[in-house]
Amino acid sequence: MKQIYLDHAATSPMHPQAAEVFAKALSEHYGNPSSIHQTGRDARRVLDEARHTLAVSIHADDNEIIFTSGGTEADNLAIFGTASAKEGRHIITTQAEHHAVLHACEELAKQGYDVTYLPVDETGRVKPEDVKQALRDDTILVTVMLANNEIGTIQPIAEIGELLKGTNVTFHTDAVQAYGLLPIDVDELNVDLLSVSAHKVNGPKGIGFLYQRKNTALKPLMYGGEQERKRRAGTENVPAIQAFASAVKIAQETMEDKRQAFTEFKEIFRAEFKENGIDFKENGTDQLPHIFNVSLDGIDIESFLVNLDLSGISASSGSACTAGSIDPSHVLVAMYGQNAAELRNSIRFSFGIGLTATDITQAAGKTAQITKRLAQK
């Protein structure tokens, strides 16, 4: 039985070209980029070329890119690095952020910082006016994700950035889920810090970057060597970085083709559900093209995911699995409240490379049949 992987928002398989680059670099570019001999200079050249590729992808300068171990470290560097570098004890975020942001803010709250968690509406969007009203004289950081990883809702980042212009507030956005699927220009978004992870764009796991706008205050989290202009100590992972850049080039070149394909995939799911008389509701609005989060009436997500897996379909609830149970998604709680049916019957399908319309038709058909069977119990 062919497994149909529909969980690309969780992680994506490496693109074959990126994997080839990665394997080749492991043996060819083994030098330390900080070394002054020829082997080290070769590694430095590869590093610089990759940094340029990534900078161009978001319309930034090369020296504004800080390599990290992934999105979580990039988020933590943005949040803790800003808190350590600036005077003031107030931070603004939303209730629907990724846990890499929420848990970092919770830790700062334990250290005496005051964190405002803004609500989102039933579409998952935060209101820019709520950000404006929450600002205080001691606000040092606003952190709002570019697009939600569970429901795909795109946030009004440019509007928030515009209202923060002229203030002393640092603006960070977690762009991990949106990167490679939406055009990103850091100047149009008016952001000071932006987080990215490679494994969401068919690159290797364990590598990412933080964009830091020039003159934005930020203290490092780690101390050691002087890598990354003293902003992130540790010898750079040159093979992963080169493969990251390779994956990004492909993602940039295929962005429109992916948008069209993924839009078609969503339509296939909708048509299959309607044809089978499935009562469904889509969660989120103004979404990323690859995320289809849907509430299916009459099902329980735990048994539903098991049945999907047994049928060869890999999908996700978008929730945290702990001790054999599935906790309600904090994103859906923020949208609908603690007692909403959507907390127990919502599933996320997310698309990526290697999928065809035939795969999606098969997956949608199986999903509809499982839904009808479970809803009758």
Protein backbone atom coordinates (compact mmCIF):
# COMPACT_ATOMS: atom_id res chain seq x y z
CA MET A 1 0.00 0.00 0.00
CA LYS A 2 1.36 3.38 -1.03
CA GLN A 3 1.61 5.85 1.80
CA ILE A 4 0.24 9.26 0.82
CA TYR A 5 2.08 11.87 2.86
CA LEU A 6 -0.14 14.86 3.63
CA ASP A 7 1.77 16.33 6.56
CA HIS A 8 4.23 18.63 4.79
CA ALA A 9 3.46 21.46 7.25
CA ALA A 10 5.06 19.32 9.97
CA THR A 11 8.14 18.53 7.91
CA SER A 12 8.88 18.08 4.24
CA PRO A 13 11.06 15.48 2.50
CA MET A 14 14.34 16.77 1.14
CA HIS A 15 14.23 17.69 -2.51
CA PRO A 16 16.36 15.19 -4.47
CA GLN A 17 18.56 17.99 -5.80
CA ALA A 18 19.08 19.39 -2.30
CA ALA A 19 19.87 15.89 -1.01
CA GLU A 20 22.46 15.46 -3.76
CA VAL A 21 24.05 18.79 -2.89
CA PHE A 22 24.07 17.82 0.79
CA ALA A 23 25.75 14.44 0.18
CA LYS A 24 28.37 15.93 -2.11
CA ALA A 25 29.18 18.76 0.29
CA LEU A 26 29.80 16.34 3.16
CA SER A 27 32.97 15.11 1.45
CA GLU A 28 33.94 18.12 -0.65
CA HIS A 29 33.39 21.09 1.68
CA TYR A 30 34.57 19.73 5.02
CA GLY A 31 36.76 22.69 5.97
CA ASN A 32 36.09 25.12 8.78
CA PRO A 33 34.91 28.42 7.24
CA SER A 34 36.90 30.30 9.90
CA SER A 35 40.20 28.74 8.83
CA ILE A 36 42.46 30.84 6.62
CA HIS A 37 43.95 28.00 4.53
CA GLN A 38 42.60 26.93 1.14
CA THR A 39 40.27 24.25 2.53
CA GLY A 40 38.76 26.72 4.95
CA ARG A 41 38.45 29.39 2.27
CA ASP A 42 36.60 26.92 0.05
CA ALA A 43 34.08 26.32 2.83
CA ARG A 44 33.80 30.08 3.38
CA ARG A 45 33.02 30.62 -0.30
CA VAL A 46 30.22 28.05 -0.18
CA LEU A 47 28.89 29.64 3.01
CA ASP A 48 28.92 33.13 1.52
CA GLU A 49 27.19 32.02 -1.67
CA ALA A 50 24.45 30.29 0.31
CA ARG A 51 24.01 33.31 2.59
CA HIS A 52 23.55 35.49 -0.47
CA THR A 53 20.91 33.17 -1.92
CA LEU A 54 18.94 33.24 1.32
CA ALA A 55 19.27 37.01 1.70
CA VAL A 56 18.00 37.59 -1.84
CA SER A 57 14.98 35.36 -1.14
CA ILE A 58 13.66 37.88 1.41
CA HIS A 59 15.20 41.04 -0.14
CA ALA A 60 17.72 41.45 2.68
CA ASP A 61 21.46 42.15 2.81
CA ASP A 62 23.83 39.22 3.18
CA ASN A 63 25.15 40.34 6.57
CA GLU A 64 21.58 40.44 7.96
CA ILE A 65 21.34 36.61 7.83
CA ILE A 66 22.29 34.65 10.97
CA PHE A 67 22.47 30.87 10.53
CA THR A 68 20.80 28.86 13.31
CA SER A 69 19.93 25.22 13.97
CA GLY A 70 16.36 25.83 12.80
CA GLY A 71 13.19 27.79 13.45
CA THR A 72 13.04 27.17 17.18
CA GLU A 73 16.51 28.56 17.77
CA ALA A 74 15.79 31.48 15.45
CA ASP A 75 12.63 32.31 17.42
CA ASN A 76 14.45 31.96 20.74
CA LEU A 77 17.33 34.13 19.55
CA ALA A 78 14.87 36.80 18.44
CA ILE A 79 12.90 36.80 21.69
CA PHE A 80 15.56 36.24 24.35
CA GLY A 81 18.13 38.21 22.35
CA THR A 82 15.84 41.22 22.20
CA ALA A 83 14.88 40.97 25.87
CA SER A 84 18.55 40.93 26.89
CA ALA A 85 19.51 43.80 24.61
CA LYS A 86 16.77 46.33 25.39
CA GLU A 87 15.44 48.14 28.43
CA GLY A 88 11.77 47.54 29.14
CA ARG A 89 9.78 44.56 30.38
CA HIS A 90 6.74 44.31 28.09
CA ILE A 91 6.26 41.92 25.16
CA ILE A 92 3.26 41.50 22.86
CA THR A 93 2.39 38.28 21.04
CA THR A 94 -0.75 36.32 20.12
CA GLN A 95 -2.52 33.30 21.57
CA ALA A 96 -2.04 31.36 18.32
CA GLU A 97 1.73 31.45 17.95
CA HIS A 98 3.97 28.41 17.54
CA HIS A 99 5.15 26.94 20.83
CA ALA A 100 8.70 28.07 20.05
CA VAL A 101 7.39 31.60 20.59
CA LEU A 102 4.78 30.94 23.28
CA HIS A 103 7.07 28.91 25.54
CA ALA A 104 9.87 31.44 25.14
CA CYS A 105 7.49 34.20 26.21
CA GLU A 106 6.28 32.08 29.12
CA GLU A 107 9.86 31.70 30.30
CA LEU A 108 10.39 35.46 30.15
CA ALA A 109 7.19 35.92 32.15
CA LYS A 110 8.74 33.75 34.87
CA GLN A 111 11.71 36.12 34.83
CA GLY A 112 9.49 39.13 35.52
CA TYR A 113 8.54 40.27 32.03
CA ASP A 114 4.94 41.25 31.33
CA VAL A 115 3.59 39.42 28.27
CA THR A 116 0.37 40.39 26.52
CA TYR A 117 -1.24 37.52 24.58
CA LEU A 118 -3.57 39.06 22.02
CA PRO A 119 -6.69 37.13 20.94
CA VAL A 120 -7.42 36.07 17.38
CA ASP A 121 -10.83 36.02 15.72
CA GLU A 122 -12.64 32.93 14.40
CA THR A 123 -10.52 33.00 11.26
CA GLY A 124 -7.31 32.95 13.30
CA ARG A 125 -6.31 36.55 12.53
CA VAL A 126 -5.08 39.13 15.00
CA LYS A 127 -6.31 42.69 14.61
CA PRO A 128 -3.63 45.35 14.05
CA GLU A 129 -5.65 47.76 16.18
CA ASP A 130 -5.36 45.32 19.09
CA VAL A 131 -1.59 45.46 18.73
CA LYS A 132 -1.73 49.25 18.71
CA GLN A 133 -3.90 49.38 21.82
CA ALA A 134 -1.60 46.96 23.67
CA LEU A 135 1.53 49.07 23.11
CA ARG A 136 3.05 50.67 26.21
CA ASP A 137 6.00 52.89 26.94
CA ASP A 138 7.96 49.85 28.14
CA THR A 139 7.08 47.58 25.19
CA ILE A 140 10.28 46.21 23.66
CA LEU A 141 9.06 43.47 21.32
CA VAL A 142 6.06 42.47 19.23
CA THR A 143 6.21 38.91 17.85
CA VAL A 144 3.48 37.72 15.47
CA MET A 145 3.83 34.82 13.04
CA LEU A 146 3.54 35.50 9.31
CA ALA A 147 1.20 32.54 8.75
CA ASN A 148 -0.16 29.93 11.11
CA ASN A 149 1.26 26.43 10.93
CA GLU A 150 -2.00 24.69 11.89
CA ILE A 151 -4.70 26.52 9.95
CA GLY A 152 -2.62 28.47 7.41
CA THR A 153 -4.15 31.88 8.16
CA ILE A 154 -1.90 34.72 6.97
CA GLN A 155 -1.49 37.52 9.49
CA PRO A 156 -1.53 41.27 8.65
CA ILE A 157 2.20 41.62 9.25
CA ALA A 158 2.75 44.59 6.93
CA GLU A 159 -0.04 46.52 8.65
CA ILE A 160 1.39 45.79 12.09
CA GLY A 161 4.85 46.71 10.88
CA GLU A 162 3.55 50.01 9.54
CA LEU A 163 1.99 51.00 12.85
CA LEU A 164 5.25 50.14 14.66
CA LYS A 165 7.30 52.39 12.36
CA GLY A 166 8.92 55.23 14.23
CA THR A 167 8.68 53.45 17.58
CA ASN A 168 11.48 51.82 19.53
CA VAL A 169 9.66 48.47 19.46
CA THR A 170 11.38 45.55 17.75
CA PHE A 171 9.08 43.60 15.43
CA HIS A 172 9.67 39.86 14.94
CA THR A 173 7.76 37.44 12.74
CA ASP A 174 8.01 33.66 12.65
CA ALA A 175 7.94 32.98 8.89
CA VAL A 176 8.80 29.29 9.16
CA GLN A 177 5.54 28.05 7.61
CA ALA A 178 5.16 30.81 5.03
CA TYR A 179 8.72 30.87 3.69
CA GLY A 180 9.00 29.35 0.24
CA LEU A 181 5.25 29.57 -0.35
CA LEU A 182 4.69 33.33 -0.12
CA PRO A 183 6.83 36.11 -1.60
CA ILE A 184 8.61 37.80 1.30
CA ASP A 185 10.15 41.27 1.31
CA VAL A 186 11.35 42.34 4.75
CA ASP A 187 11.04 46.01 3.85
CA GLU A 188 7.44 45.64 2.67
CA LEU A 189 6.64 43.74 5.86
CA ASN A 190 8.47 46.30 8.01
CA VAL A 191 9.95 43.58 10.23
CA ASP A 192 13.20 43.77 12.19
CA LEU A 193 13.60 40.03 12.81
CA LEU A 194 12.32 37.05 10.80
CA SER A 195 12.71 33.30 11.47
CA VAL A 196 13.05 30.53 8.87
CA SER A 197 13.67 26.77 8.94
CA ALA A 198 15.01 24.64 6.08
CA HIS A 199 13.05 21.45 6.64
CA LYS A 200 9.78 23.18 5.77
CA VAL A 201 11.04 23.97 2.26
CA ASN A 202 12.50 20.56 1.34
CA GLY A 203 15.88 21.28 2.87
CA PRO A 204 17.64 19.35 5.65
CA LYS A 205 16.58 19.37 9.27
CA GLY A 206 18.76 21.16 11.79
CA ILE A 207 19.41 24.36 9.85
CA GLY A 208 17.61 27.69 9.60
CA PHE A 209 18.26 31.40 9.86
CA LEU A 210 17.23 34.55 11.64
CA TYR A 211 17.06 37.75 9.64
CA GLN A 212 18.26 40.69 11.75
CA ARG A 213 17.73 44.13 10.28
CA LYS A 214 20.82 46.33 10.46
CA ASN A 215 21.12 48.17 13.78
CA THR A 216 18.45 46.03 15.47
CA ALA A 217 19.52 45.38 19.06
CA LEU A 218 20.12 41.69 19.73
CA LYS A 219 22.32 39.77 22.17
CA PRO A 220 23.59 36.26 21.37
CA LEU A 221 22.33 33.20 23.20
CA MET A 222 25.57 31.24 22.86
CA TYR A 223 29.15 32.28 23.45
CA GLY A 224 32.31 30.83 21.97
CA GLY A 225 33.86 31.70 18.63
CA GLU A 226 33.16 34.76 16.52
CA GLN A 227 31.05 33.04 13.86
CA GLU A 228 28.10 34.85 12.30
CA ARG A 229 29.63 38.23 13.16
CA LYS A 230 29.69 37.26 16.88
CA ARG A 231 25.92 36.74 16.85
CA ARG A 232 25.82 32.93 16.92
CA ALA A 233 28.89 31.03 18.11
CA GLY A 234 29.67 27.58 16.68
CA THR A 235 31.21 26.26 13.48
CA GLU A 236 28.69 26.63 10.67
CA ASN A 237 27.08 23.50 9.21
CA VAL A 238 28.30 24.09 5.66
CA PRO A 239 26.76 21.01 3.96
CA ALA A 240 23.33 21.68 5.46
CA ILE A 241 23.57 25.38 4.63
CA GLN A 242 24.47 24.66 1.01
CA ALA A 243 21.61 22.17 0.71
CA PHE A 244 19.30 24.74 2.33
CA ALA A 245 20.22 27.28 -0.31
CA SER A 246 19.67 24.71 -3.05
CA ALA A 247 16.18 23.93 -1.74
CA VAL A 248 15.37 27.64 -1.49
CA LYS A 249 16.35 28.28 -5.11
CA ILE A 250 13.96 25.54 -6.20
CA ALA A 251 11.21 26.80 -3.89
CA GLN A 252 11.50 30.32 -5.28
CA GLU A 253 11.39 29.10 -8.88
CA THR A 254 8.38 26.83 -8.35
CA MET A 255 6.32 29.03 -6.00
CA GLU A 256 3.56 29.84 -8.49
CA ASP A 257 3.35 26.27 -9.82
CA LYS A 258 2.95 25.00 -6.26
CA ARG A 259 0.26 27.53 -5.49
CA GLN A 260 -1.77 26.42 -8.50
CA ALA A 261 -1.30 22.72 -7.75
CA PHE A 262 -2.16 23.04 -4.07
CA THR A 263 -5.24 25.14 -4.87
CA GLU A 264 -6.38 22.30 -7.14
CA PHE A 265 -5.73 19.78 -4.35
CA LYS A 266 -8.02 21.69 -2.01
CA GLU A 267 -10.73 21.75 -4.65
CA ILE A 268 -10.44 17.97 -5.04
CA PHE A 269 -10.99 17.52 -1.30
CA ARG A 270 -13.98 19.87 -1.30
CA ALA A 271 -15.57 18.17 -4.31
CA GLU A 272 -15.07 14.69 -2.82
CA PHE A 273 -16.59 15.75 0.50
CA LYS A 274 -19.60 17.34 -1.20
CA GLU A 275 -20.14 14.34 -3.46
CA ASN A 276 -20.18 12.04 -0.43
CA GLY A 277 -22.45 14.31 1.59
CA ILE A 278 -19.78 15.06 4.21
CA ASP A 279 -20.62 17.93 6.56
CA PHE A 280 -17.39 19.94 6.80
CA LYS A 281 -16.12 23.37 7.69
CA GLU A 282 -12.76 24.84 6.76
CA ASN A 283 -10.77 26.42 9.58
CA GLY A 284 -8.91 29.64 8.85
CA THR A 285 -9.02 32.22 6.10
CA ASP A 286 -6.68 33.92 3.63
CA GLN A 287 -4.61 30.77 3.92
CA LEU A 288 -1.28 29.45 2.81
CA PRO A 289 -1.85 27.39 -0.34
CA HIS A 290 -0.60 24.11 1.08
CA ILE A 291 -2.67 23.90 4.29
CA PHE A 292 -6.20 22.50 4.33
CA ASN A 293 -7.52 22.37 7.90
CA VAL A 294 -11.05 21.06 8.07
CA SER A 295 -13.61 20.22 10.74
CA LEU A 296 -15.55 17.01 9.93
CA ASP A 297 -18.87 16.64 11.69
CA GLY A 298 -19.38 13.47 13.72
CA ILE A 299 -15.80 12.23 14.02
CA ASP A 300 -13.32 12.08 16.89
CA ILE A 301 -9.83 13.07 15.81
CA GLU A 302 -7.96 10.37 17.71
CA SER A 303 -9.66 7.38 16.10
CA PHE A 304 -9.89 9.26 12.81
CA LEU A 305 -6.10 9.71 12.56
CA VAL A 306 -5.56 6.02 13.34
CA ASN A 307 -7.97 5.01 10.59
CA LEU A 308 -6.33 7.36 8.12
CA ASP A 309 -2.92 5.92 8.93
CA LEU A 310 -4.19 2.36 8.49
CA SER A 311 -5.52 3.45 5.09
CA GLY A 312 -2.12 4.78 4.05
CA ILE A 313 -2.69 8.49 4.65
CA SER A 314 -0.37 10.56 6.82
CA ALA A 315 -2.08 13.66 8.21
CA SER A 316 -2.12 15.62 11.46
CA SER A 317 -4.46 17.10 14.02
CA GLY A 318 -2.10 19.99 14.52
CA SER A 319 -2.26 19.12 18.22
CA ALA A 320 0.34 17.93 20.69
CA CYS A 321 0.30 14.20 21.39
CA THR A 322 1.17 13.42 25.00
CA ALA A 323 0.81 10.23 27.01
CA GLY A 324 -1.31 8.56 24.34
CA SER A 325 -3.91 11.33 24.23
CA ILE A 326 -4.38 14.34 22.00
CA ASP A 327 -4.61 17.68 23.72
CA PRO A 328 -6.82 20.31 22.09
CA SER A 329 -5.03 22.59 19.68
CA HIS A 330 -4.23 25.89 21.36
CA VAL A 331 -4.84 27.59 18.01
CA LEU A 332 -8.37 26.23 17.73
CA VAL A 333 -9.00 27.06 21.40
CA ALA A 334 -7.95 30.64 20.70
CA MET A 335 -10.31 30.76 17.69
CA TYR A 336 -13.40 28.97 19.03
CA GLY A 337 -13.12 28.66 22.81
CA GLN A 338 -12.62 25.76 25.21
CA ASN A 339 -15.78 23.78 24.44
CA ALA A 340 -16.06 24.00 20.67
CA ALA A 341 -16.67 20.84 18.64
CA GLU A 342 -13.84 21.85 16.31
CA LEU A 343 -11.33 20.97 19.04
CA ARG A 344 -12.16 17.27 18.64
CA ASN A 345 -12.99 16.93 14.95
CA SER A 346 -10.45 19.05 13.05
CA ILE A 347 -7.69 17.65 10.89
CA ARG A 348 -4.88 19.27 8.91
CA PHE A 349 -3.92 18.05 5.47
CA SER A 350 -0.83 19.76 4.08
CA PHE A 351 0.66 19.36 0.62
CA GLY A 352 4.14 19.31 -0.88
CA ILE A 353 6.46 17.77 -3.44
CA GLY A 354 5.79 14.34 -4.87
CA LEU A 355 2.01 14.58 -4.71
CA THR A 356 -0.24 14.27 -7.75
CA ALA A 357 -3.91 14.99 -8.35
CA THR A 358 -4.41 11.22 -8.45
CA ASP A 359 -2.90 10.89 -4.97
CA ILE A 360 -5.15 13.62 -3.63
CA THR A 361 -8.26 12.15 -5.24
CA GLN A 362 -7.47 8.79 -3.66
CA ALA A 363 -6.77 10.36 -0.25
CA ALA A 364 -9.88 12.52 -0.35
CA GLY A 365 -12.02 9.53 -1.28
CA LYS A 366 -10.65 7.41 1.56
CA THR A 367 -11.08 10.32 3.98
CA ALA A 368 -14.72 10.71 2.97
CA GLN A 369 -15.40 7.00 3.41
CA ILE A 370 -13.72 6.90 6.84
CA THR A 371 -15.69 9.97 7.89
CA LYS A 372 -19.00 8.39 6.91
CA ARG A 373 -18.13 5.16 8.70
CA LEU A 374 -17.01 6.80 11.94
CA ALA A 375 -19.82 9.35 11.98
CA GLN A 376 -22.39 6.53 11.95
CA LYS A 377 -21.08 4.97 15.16
